[in-house]
């Protein structure tokens, strides 16, 4: 899952980025509202951690522009202001949740998990397709009741596929979603990881779940 952190306090920005990466998220970060616009134009994110008080453009102005443009990416607002009026203004502008500084990092991670579940239309972090079960919180995978060991990157790609089960995802979209803003594409790295996943998840099992859609990309689904 790919997260954008927009926070102008250098120490907090660095801490959030470090903790999110430790939680196996792909993270981009910036400290300016105008820079955040550039990131949003160049990539898709699963969620945004957004400070309200920013140079260049405020977090609320950025959020208002996103919602006006039809961008429904979940947004968790961060602010030092704790009045009811401030919280109401943030939520009415289009924020999905709100945290007042200082906050516990565990709470921020928990709130992000809720936003991601809600965006995926799920009430839990466990996804199933046929006899494949993926627990995104515990980062465990079972196929036909057997535990499957995956590398961190293999799991990241599988999580993206299973959260979008039935949706054809291009190689470029997978690459840009799993790696950070510096990903340039143009290599076969996604194909390599898909082969790894097929070997571990499909070889020796039926039905096959990872399918190639010629000229379009890959999809995780059970085919009749």
C-alpha atoms as a PDB file:
ATOM      1  CA  UNK A   1       0.000   0.000   0.000  1.00  0.00           C
ATOM      2  CA  UNK A   2       1.280   3.444  -0.937  1.00  0.00           C
ATOM      3  CA  UNK A   3       1.039   6.420   1.422  1.00  0.00           C
ATOM      4  CA  UNK A   4       1.820  10.108   0.910  1.00  0.00           C
ATOM      5  CA  UNK A   5       2.994  12.023   3.994  1.00  0.00           C
ATOM      6  CA  UNK A   6       2.655  15.820   3.811  1.00  0.00           C
ATOM      7  CA  UNK A   7       4.156  17.345   6.961  1.00  0.00           C
ATOM      8  CA  UNK A   8       6.370  20.421   7.290  1.00  0.00           C
ATOM      9  CA  UNK A   9       7.959  19.554  10.652  1.00  0.00           C
ATOM     10  CA  UNK A  10      11.168  17.774   9.546  1.00  0.00           C
ATOM     11  CA  UNK A  11      11.489  15.543  12.613  1.00  0.00           C
ATOM     12  CA  UNK A  12       7.851  14.430  12.509  1.00  0.00           C
ATOM     13  CA  UNK A  13       7.982  13.932   8.735  1.00  0.00           C
ATOM     14  CA  UNK A  14      11.044  11.702   9.093  1.00  0.00           C
ATOM     15  CA  UNK A  15       9.516   9.780  11.996  1.00  0.00           C
ATOM     16  CA  UNK A  16       6.233   9.153  10.183  1.00  0.00           C
ATOM     17  CA  UNK A  17       8.043   8.040   7.043  1.00  0.00           C
ATOM     18  CA  UNK A  18      10.259   5.666   9.021  1.00  0.00           C
ATOM     19  CA  UNK A  19       7.352   4.141  10.960  1.00  0.00           C
ATOM     20  CA  UNK A  20       5.181   3.697   7.884  1.00  0.00           C
ATOM     21  CA  UNK A  21       8.005   2.000   6.008  1.00  0.00           C
ATOM     22  CA  UNK A  22       8.562  -0.256   9.025  1.00  0.00           C
ATOM     23  CA  UNK A  23       4.872  -1.162   8.750  1.00  0.00           C
ATOM     24  CA  UNK A  24       5.562  -2.251   5.135  1.00  0.00           C
ATOM     25  CA  UNK A  25       3.968   0.711   3.392  1.00  0.00           C
ATOM     26  CA  UNK A  26       5.545   2.331   0.342  1.00  0.00           C
ATOM     27  CA  UNK A  27       5.957   5.977   1.331  1.00  0.00           C
ATOM     28  CA  UNK A  28       6.495   9.290  -0.444  1.00  0.00           C
ATOM     29  CA  UNK A  29       6.890  12.442   1.622  1.00  0.00           C
ATOM     30  CA  UNK A  30       7.034  16.195   1.176  1.00  0.00           C
ATOM     31  CA  UNK A  31       6.746  19.302   3.345  1.00  0.00           C
ATOM     32  CA  UNK A  32       4.873  21.772   1.143  1.00  0.00           C
ATOM     33  CA  UNK A  33       1.285  21.907  -0.078  1.00  0.00           C
ATOM     34  CA  UNK A  34       2.324  22.833  -3.614  1.00  0.00           C
ATOM     35  CA  UNK A  35       4.844  19.981  -3.737  1.00  0.00           C
ATOM     36  CA  UNK A  36       2.062  17.646  -2.613  1.00  0.00           C
ATOM     37  CA  UNK A  37       0.054  18.684  -5.679  1.00  0.00           C
ATOM     38  CA  UNK A  38       2.921  17.492  -7.875  1.00  0.00           C
ATOM     39  CA  UNK A  39       3.029  14.140  -6.086  1.00  0.00           C
ATOM     40  CA  UNK A  40      -0.713  13.694  -6.497  1.00  0.00           C
ATOM     41  CA  UNK A  41      -0.505  14.468 -10.208  1.00  0.00           C
ATOM     42  CA  UNK A  42       2.268  11.908 -10.670  1.00  0.00           C
ATOM     43  CA  UNK A  43       1.041   8.954  -8.621  1.00  0.00           C
ATOM     44  CA  UNK A  44      -1.910   7.172  -7.032  1.00  0.00           C
ATOM     45  CA  UNK A  45      -2.021   6.709  -3.273  1.00  0.00           C
ATOM     46  CA  UNK A  46      -4.040   4.476  -0.975  1.00  0.00           C
ATOM     47  CA  UNK A  47      -4.092   7.155   1.722  1.00  0.00           C
ATOM     48  CA  UNK A  48      -2.642  10.555   2.582  1.00  0.00           C
ATOM     49  CA  UNK A  49      -1.404  11.765   5.957  1.00  0.00           C
ATOM     50  CA  UNK A  50      -1.882  15.525   5.669  1.00  0.00           C
ATOM     51  CA  UNK A  51      -0.893  18.328   8.004  1.00  0.00           C
ATOM     52  CA  UNK A  52      -3.200  21.343   7.956  1.00  0.00           C
ATOM     53  CA  UNK A  53      -0.611  24.091   8.459  1.00  0.00           C
ATOM     54  CA  UNK A  54       1.730  23.918   5.453  1.00  0.00           C
ATOM     55  CA  UNK A  55       3.849  26.366   3.451  1.00  0.00           C
ATOM     56  CA  UNK A  56       2.880  26.984  -0.153  1.00  0.00           C
ATOM     57  CA  UNK A  57      -0.705  25.825   0.266  1.00  0.00           C
ATOM     58  CA  UNK A  58      -2.598  24.793   3.373  1.00  0.00           C
ATOM     59  CA  UNK A  59      -3.671  21.216   3.918  1.00  0.00           C
ATOM     60  CA  UNK A  60      -7.338  22.244   3.829  1.00  0.00           C
ATOM     61  CA  UNK A  61      -6.884  24.047   0.498  1.00  0.00           C
ATOM     62  CA  UNK A  62      -5.127  20.988  -0.928  1.00  0.00           C
ATOM     63  CA  UNK A  63      -7.870  18.707   0.365  1.00  0.00           C
ATOM     64  CA  UNK A  64     -10.601  20.970  -0.984  1.00  0.00           C
ATOM     65  CA  UNK A  65      -8.988  20.910  -4.425  1.00  0.00           C
ATOM     66  CA  UNK A  66      -8.709  17.112  -4.332  1.00  0.00           C
ATOM     67  CA  UNK A  67     -12.365  16.626  -3.490  1.00  0.00           C
ATOM     68  CA  UNK A  68     -13.492  19.194  -6.052  1.00  0.00           C
ATOM     69  CA  UNK A  69     -11.520  17.264  -8.689  1.00  0.00           C
ATOM     70  CA  UNK A  70     -13.212  14.027  -7.646  1.00  0.00           C
ATOM     71  CA  UNK A  71     -10.163  12.544  -5.895  1.00  0.00           C
ATOM     72  CA  UNK A  72     -11.550  10.226  -3.184  1.00  0.00           C
ATOM     73  CA  UNK A  73      -8.204   9.116  -1.734  1.00  0.00           C
ATOM     74  CA  UNK A  74      -8.646   8.673   2.048  1.00  0.00           C
ATOM     75  CA  UNK A  75      -7.095  11.554   3.991  1.00  0.00           C
ATOM     76  CA  UNK A  76      -6.013  11.558   7.629  1.00  0.00           C
ATOM     77  CA  UNK A  77      -5.568  15.162   8.795  1.00  0.00           C
ATOM     78  CA  UNK A  78      -2.923  16.132  11.345  1.00  0.00           C
ATOM     79  CA  UNK A  79      -3.100  19.379  13.271  1.00  0.00           C
ATOM     80  CA  UNK A  80      -2.054  21.062  16.489  1.00  0.00           C
ATOM     81  CA  UNK A  81      -5.503  22.650  16.740  1.00  0.00           C
ATOM     82  CA  UNK A  82      -7.957  20.707  18.880  1.00  0.00           C
ATOM     83  CA  UNK A  83     -11.071  22.879  18.920  1.00  0.00           C
ATOM     84  CA  UNK A  84     -14.379  21.411  17.792  1.00  0.00           C
ATOM     85  CA  UNK A  85     -14.628  24.074  15.112  1.00  0.00           C
ATOM     86  CA  UNK A  86     -11.277  23.054  13.611  1.00  0.00           C
ATOM     87  CA  UNK A  87     -12.221  19.369  13.580  1.00  0.00           C
ATOM     88  CA  UNK A  88     -15.569  20.139  11.968  1.00  0.00           C
ATOM     89  CA  UNK A  89     -13.898  22.329   9.323  1.00  0.00           C
ATOM     90  CA  UNK A  90     -11.474  19.547   8.430  1.00  0.00           C
ATOM     91  CA  UNK A  91     -14.133  16.860   8.210  1.00  0.00           C
ATOM     92  CA  UNK A  92     -16.512  19.098   6.267  1.00  0.00           C
ATOM     93  CA  UNK A  93     -13.755  19.861   3.769  1.00  0.00           C
ATOM     94  CA  UNK A  94     -13.517  16.155   2.993  1.00  0.00           C
ATOM     95  CA  UNK A  95     -11.136  14.573   5.494  1.00  0.00           C
ATOM     96  CA  UNK A  96     -11.855  10.977   6.423  1.00  0.00           C
ATOM     97  CA  UNK A  97     -10.296  11.193   9.875  1.00  0.00           C
ATOM     98  CA  UNK A  98      -8.522  13.631  12.161  1.00  0.00           C
ATOM     99  CA  UNK A  99      -5.618  13.375  14.640  1.00  0.00           C
ATOM    100  CA  UNK A 100      -4.517  16.128  17.016  1.00  0.00           C
ATOM    101  CA  UNK A 101      -0.799  16.526  17.753  1.00  0.00           C
ATOM    102  CA  UNK A 102       0.813  15.079  19.737  1.00  0.00           C
ATOM    103  CA  UNK A 103      -0.485  11.600  18.979  1.00  0.00           C
ATOM    104  CA  UNK A 104       0.613   8.011  19.454  1.00  0.00           C
ATOM    105  CA  UNK A 105       2.106   6.425  16.339  1.00  0.00           C
ATOM    106  CA  UNK A 106       0.215   3.200  17.055  1.00  0.00           C
ATOM    107  CA  UNK A 107      -3.048   5.139  16.908  1.00  0.00           C
ATOM    108  CA  UNK A 108      -2.085   6.721  13.596  1.00  0.00           C
ATOM    109  CA  UNK A 109      -1.293   3.293  12.126  1.00  0.00           C
ATOM    110  CA  UNK A 110      -4.579   1.893  13.436  1.00  0.00           C
ATOM    111  CA  UNK A 111      -6.565   4.772  11.964  1.00  0.00           C
ATOM    112  CA  UNK A 112      -4.824   4.289   8.614  1.00  0.00           C
ATOM    113  CA  UNK A 113      -5.763   0.601   8.632  1.00  0.00           C
ATOM    114  CA  UNK A 114      -9.395   1.564   9.186  1.00  0.00           C
ATOM    115  CA  UNK A 115      -9.294   4.041   6.287  1.00  0.00           C
ATOM    116  CA  UNK A 116      -7.739   1.443   3.982  1.00  0.00           C
ATOM    117  CA  UNK A 117     -10.323  -1.190   4.942  1.00  0.00           C
ATOM    118  CA  UNK A 118     -13.137   1.276   4.386  1.00  0.00           C
ATOM    119  CA  UNK A 119     -11.759   2.257   0.972  1.00  0.00           C
ATOM    120  CA  UNK A 120     -11.575  -1.419  -0.021  1.00  0.00           C
ATOM    121  CA  UNK A 121     -15.164  -1.980   1.144  1.00  0.00           C
ATOM    122  CA  UNK A 122     -14.007  -4.462   3.776  1.00  0.00           C
ATOM    123  CA  UNK A 123     -14.695  -4.732   7.492  1.00  0.00           C
ATOM    124  CA  UNK A 124     -11.458  -6.583   8.167  1.00  0.00           C
ATOM    125  CA  UNK A 125      -7.903  -6.910   6.888  1.00  0.00           C
ATOM    126  CA  UNK A 126      -8.503 -10.498   5.778  1.00  0.00           C
ATOM    127  CA  UNK A 127      -9.246 -11.120   2.083  1.00  0.00           C
ATOM    128  CA  UNK A 128     -10.173 -14.402   0.433  1.00  0.00           C
ATOM    129  CA  UNK A 129     -10.305 -15.528  -3.180  1.00  0.00           C
ATOM    130  CA  UNK A 130     -11.240 -19.181  -3.688  1.00  0.00           C
ATOM    131  CA  UNK A 131      -9.057 -21.073  -1.169  1.00  0.00           C
ATOM    132  CA  UNK A 132      -6.504 -18.253  -0.887  1.00  0.00           C
ATOM    133  CA  UNK A 133      -6.614 -16.255   2.357  1.00  0.00           C
ATOM    134  CA  UNK A 134      -4.495 -13.142   2.881  1.00  0.00           C
ATOM    135  CA  UNK A 135      -4.337 -11.412   6.257  1.00  0.00           C
ATOM    136  CA  UNK A 136      -2.937  -7.967   5.487  1.00  0.00           C
ATOM    137  CA  UNK A 137      -2.496  -6.986   9.141  1.00  0.00           C
ATOM    138  CA  UNK A 138      -0.694 -10.164  10.187  1.00  0.00           C
ATOM    139  CA  UNK A 139       0.948 -10.444   6.737  1.00  0.00           C
ATOM    140  CA  UNK A 140       0.138 -14.139   6.500  1.00  0.00           C
ATOM    141  CA  UNK A 141      -0.945 -16.131   3.458  1.00  0.00           C
ATOM    142  CA  UNK A 142      -2.698 -19.504   3.250  1.00  0.00           C
ATOM    143  CA  UNK A 143      -3.593 -21.505   0.163  1.00  0.00           C
ATOM    144  CA  UNK A 144      -5.889 -24.516   0.689  1.00  0.00           C
ATOM    145  CA  UNK A 145      -5.105 -24.306   4.398  1.00  0.00           C
ATOM    146  CA  UNK A 146      -1.343 -24.367   3.888  1.00  0.00           C
ATOM    147  CA  UNK A 147       0.847 -21.478   5.029  1.00  0.00           C
ATOM    148  CA  UNK A 148       2.743 -19.810   2.175  1.00  0.00           C
ATOM    149  CA  UNK A 149       5.971 -17.962   2.943  1.00  0.00           C
ATOM    150  CA  UNK A 150       6.462 -14.767   0.916  1.00  0.00           C
ATOM    151  CA  UNK A 151       9.170 -12.135   0.846  1.00  0.00           C
ATOM    152  CA  UNK A 152       8.185  -8.626   1.890  1.00  0.00           C
ATOM    153  CA  UNK A 153       7.952  -7.426  -1.717  1.00  0.00           C
ATOM    154  CA  UNK A 154       6.045 -10.502  -2.843  1.00  0.00           C
ATOM    155  CA  UNK A 155       3.513  -9.881  -0.103  1.00  0.00           C
ATOM    156  CA  UNK A 156       3.190  -6.206  -1.040  1.00  0.00           C
ATOM    157  CA  UNK A 157       2.294  -7.132  -4.617  1.00  0.00           C
ATOM    158  CA  UNK A 158      -0.093  -9.875  -3.522  1.00  0.00           C
ATOM    159  CA  UNK A 159      -1.801  -7.461  -1.128  1.00  0.00           C
ATOM    160  CA  UNK A 160      -2.329  -4.979  -3.957  1.00  0.00           C
ATOM    161  CA  UNK A 161      -3.731  -7.727  -6.168  1.00  0.00           C
ATOM    162  CA  UNK A 162      -6.059  -9.165  -3.541  1.00  0.00           C
ATOM    163  CA  UNK A 163      -7.362  -5.763  -2.450  1.00  0.00           C
ATOM    164  CA  UNK A 164      -8.230  -5.243  -6.129  1.00  0.00           C
ATOM    165  CA  UNK A 165      -9.385  -8.797  -6.855  1.00  0.00           C
ATOM    166  CA  UNK A 166     -11.076  -8.992 -10.253  1.00  0.00           C
ATOM    167  CA  UNK A 167      -9.486  -5.732 -11.446  1.00  0.00           C
ATOM    168  CA  UNK A 168      -6.858  -5.879 -14.207  1.00  0.00           C
ATOM    169  CA  UNK A 169      -3.754  -3.974 -13.082  1.00  0.00           C
ATOM    170  CA  UNK A 170      -1.089  -2.906 -15.552  1.00  0.00           C
ATOM    171  CA  UNK A 171       2.583  -3.627 -14.918  1.00  0.00           C
ATOM    172  CA  UNK A 172       3.261   0.088 -14.654  1.00  0.00           C
ATOM    173  CA  UNK A 173       0.419   0.609 -12.173  1.00  0.00           C
ATOM    174  CA  UNK A 174       1.660  -2.247  -9.987  1.00  0.00           C
ATOM    175  CA  UNK A 175       5.217  -0.940 -10.127  1.00  0.00           C
ATOM    176  CA  UNK A 176       4.306   2.637  -9.288  1.00  0.00           C
ATOM    177  CA  UNK A 177       1.992   1.496  -6.508  1.00  0.00           C
ATOM    178  CA  UNK A 178       4.451  -0.820  -4.793  1.00  0.00           C
ATOM    179  CA  UNK A 179       7.631   1.207  -5.209  1.00  0.00           C
ATOM    180  CA  UNK A 180       7.970   4.870  -4.311  1.00  0.00           C
ATOM    181  CA  UNK A 181       7.929   8.031  -6.430  1.00  0.00           C
ATOM    182  CA  UNK A 182      11.420   7.306  -7.789  1.00  0.00           C
ATOM    183  CA  UNK A 183      10.199   4.177  -9.618  1.00  0.00           C
ATOM    184  CA  UNK A 184      10.848   4.688 -13.333  1.00  0.00           C
ATOM    185  CA  UNK A 185       9.319   1.522 -14.743  1.00  0.00           C
ATOM    186  CA  UNK A 186      10.568   0.096 -18.004  1.00  0.00           C
ATOM    187  CA  UNK A 187      12.010  -3.075 -16.496  1.00  0.00           C
ATOM    188  CA  UNK A 188      10.615  -6.556 -16.027  1.00  0.00           C
ATOM    189  CA  UNK A 189      10.786  -6.401 -12.232  1.00  0.00           C
ATOM    190  CA  UNK A 190       7.000  -6.758 -11.879  1.00  0.00           C
ATOM    191  CA  UNK A 191       6.979  -9.779 -14.205  1.00  0.00           C
ATOM    192  CA  UNK A 192       9.719 -11.380 -12.111  1.00  0.00           C
ATOM    193  CA  UNK A 193       7.741 -11.005  -8.896  1.00  0.00           C
ATOM    194  CA  UNK A 194       4.558 -12.262 -10.548  1.00  0.00           C
ATOM    195  CA  UNK A 195       6.472 -15.408 -11.550  1.00  0.00           C
ATOM    196  CA  UNK A 196       7.606 -15.840  -7.954  1.00  0.00           C
ATOM    197  CA  UNK A 197       4.009 -15.491  -6.735  1.00  0.00           C
ATOM    198  CA  UNK A 198       2.681 -17.948  -9.298  1.00  0.00           C
ATOM    199  CA  UNK A 199       5.274 -20.519  -8.297  1.00  0.00           C
ATOM    200  CA  UNK A 200       4.301 -20.207  -4.636  1.00  0.00           C
ATOM    201  CA  UNK A 201       0.547 -19.675  -4.938  1.00  0.00           C
ATOM    202  CA  UNK A 202      -0.589 -21.417  -8.128  1.00  0.00           C
ATOM    203  CA  UNK A 203       1.836 -24.282  -8.814  1.00  0.00           C
ATOM    204  CA  UNK A 204       0.258 -27.456  -7.473  1.00  0.00           C
ATOM    205  CA  UNK A 205      -3.048 -25.752  -6.682  1.00  0.00           C
ATOM    206  CA  UNK A 206      -6.351 -25.476  -8.500  1.00  0.00           C
ATOM    207  CA  UNK A 207      -7.871 -23.235  -9.656  1.00  0.00           C
ATOM    208  CA  UNK A 208      -5.109 -20.908 -10.875  1.00  0.00           C
ATOM    209  CA  UNK A 209      -5.677 -17.442  -9.446  1.00  0.00           C
ATOM    210  CA  UNK A 210      -3.067 -15.120 -10.993  1.00  0.00           C
ATOM    211  CA  UNK A 211      -3.872 -14.462 -14.646  1.00  0.00           C
ATOM    212  CA  UNK A 212      -2.190 -12.504 -17.416  1.00  0.00           C
ATOM    213  CA  UNK A 213      -4.454 -10.310 -19.525  1.00  0.00           C
ATOM    214  CA  UNK A 214      -2.536  -9.888 -22.748  1.00  0.00           C
ATOM    215  CA  UNK A 215      -1.651  -6.270 -23.452  1.00  0.00           C
ATOM    216  CA  UNK A 216      -3.220  -5.108 -20.184  1.00  0.00           C
ATOM    217  CA  UNK A 217      -1.514  -6.610 -17.132  1.00  0.00           C
ATOM    218  CA  UNK A 218      -2.363  -9.022 -14.339  1.00  0.00           C
ATOM    219  CA  UNK A 219      -5.454  -9.895 -12.340  1.00  0.00           C
ATOM    220  CA  UNK A 220      -6.153 -12.035  -9.284  1.00  0.00           C
ATOM    221  CA  UNK A 221      -9.441 -13.862  -9.666  1.00  0.00           C
ATOM    222  CA  UNK A 222     -11.114 -17.247  -9.666  1.00  0.00           C
ATOM    223  CA  UNK A 223     -12.211 -18.135 -13.169  1.00  0.00           C
ATOM    224  CA  UNK A 224     -15.062 -20.500 -13.838  1.00  0.00           C
END
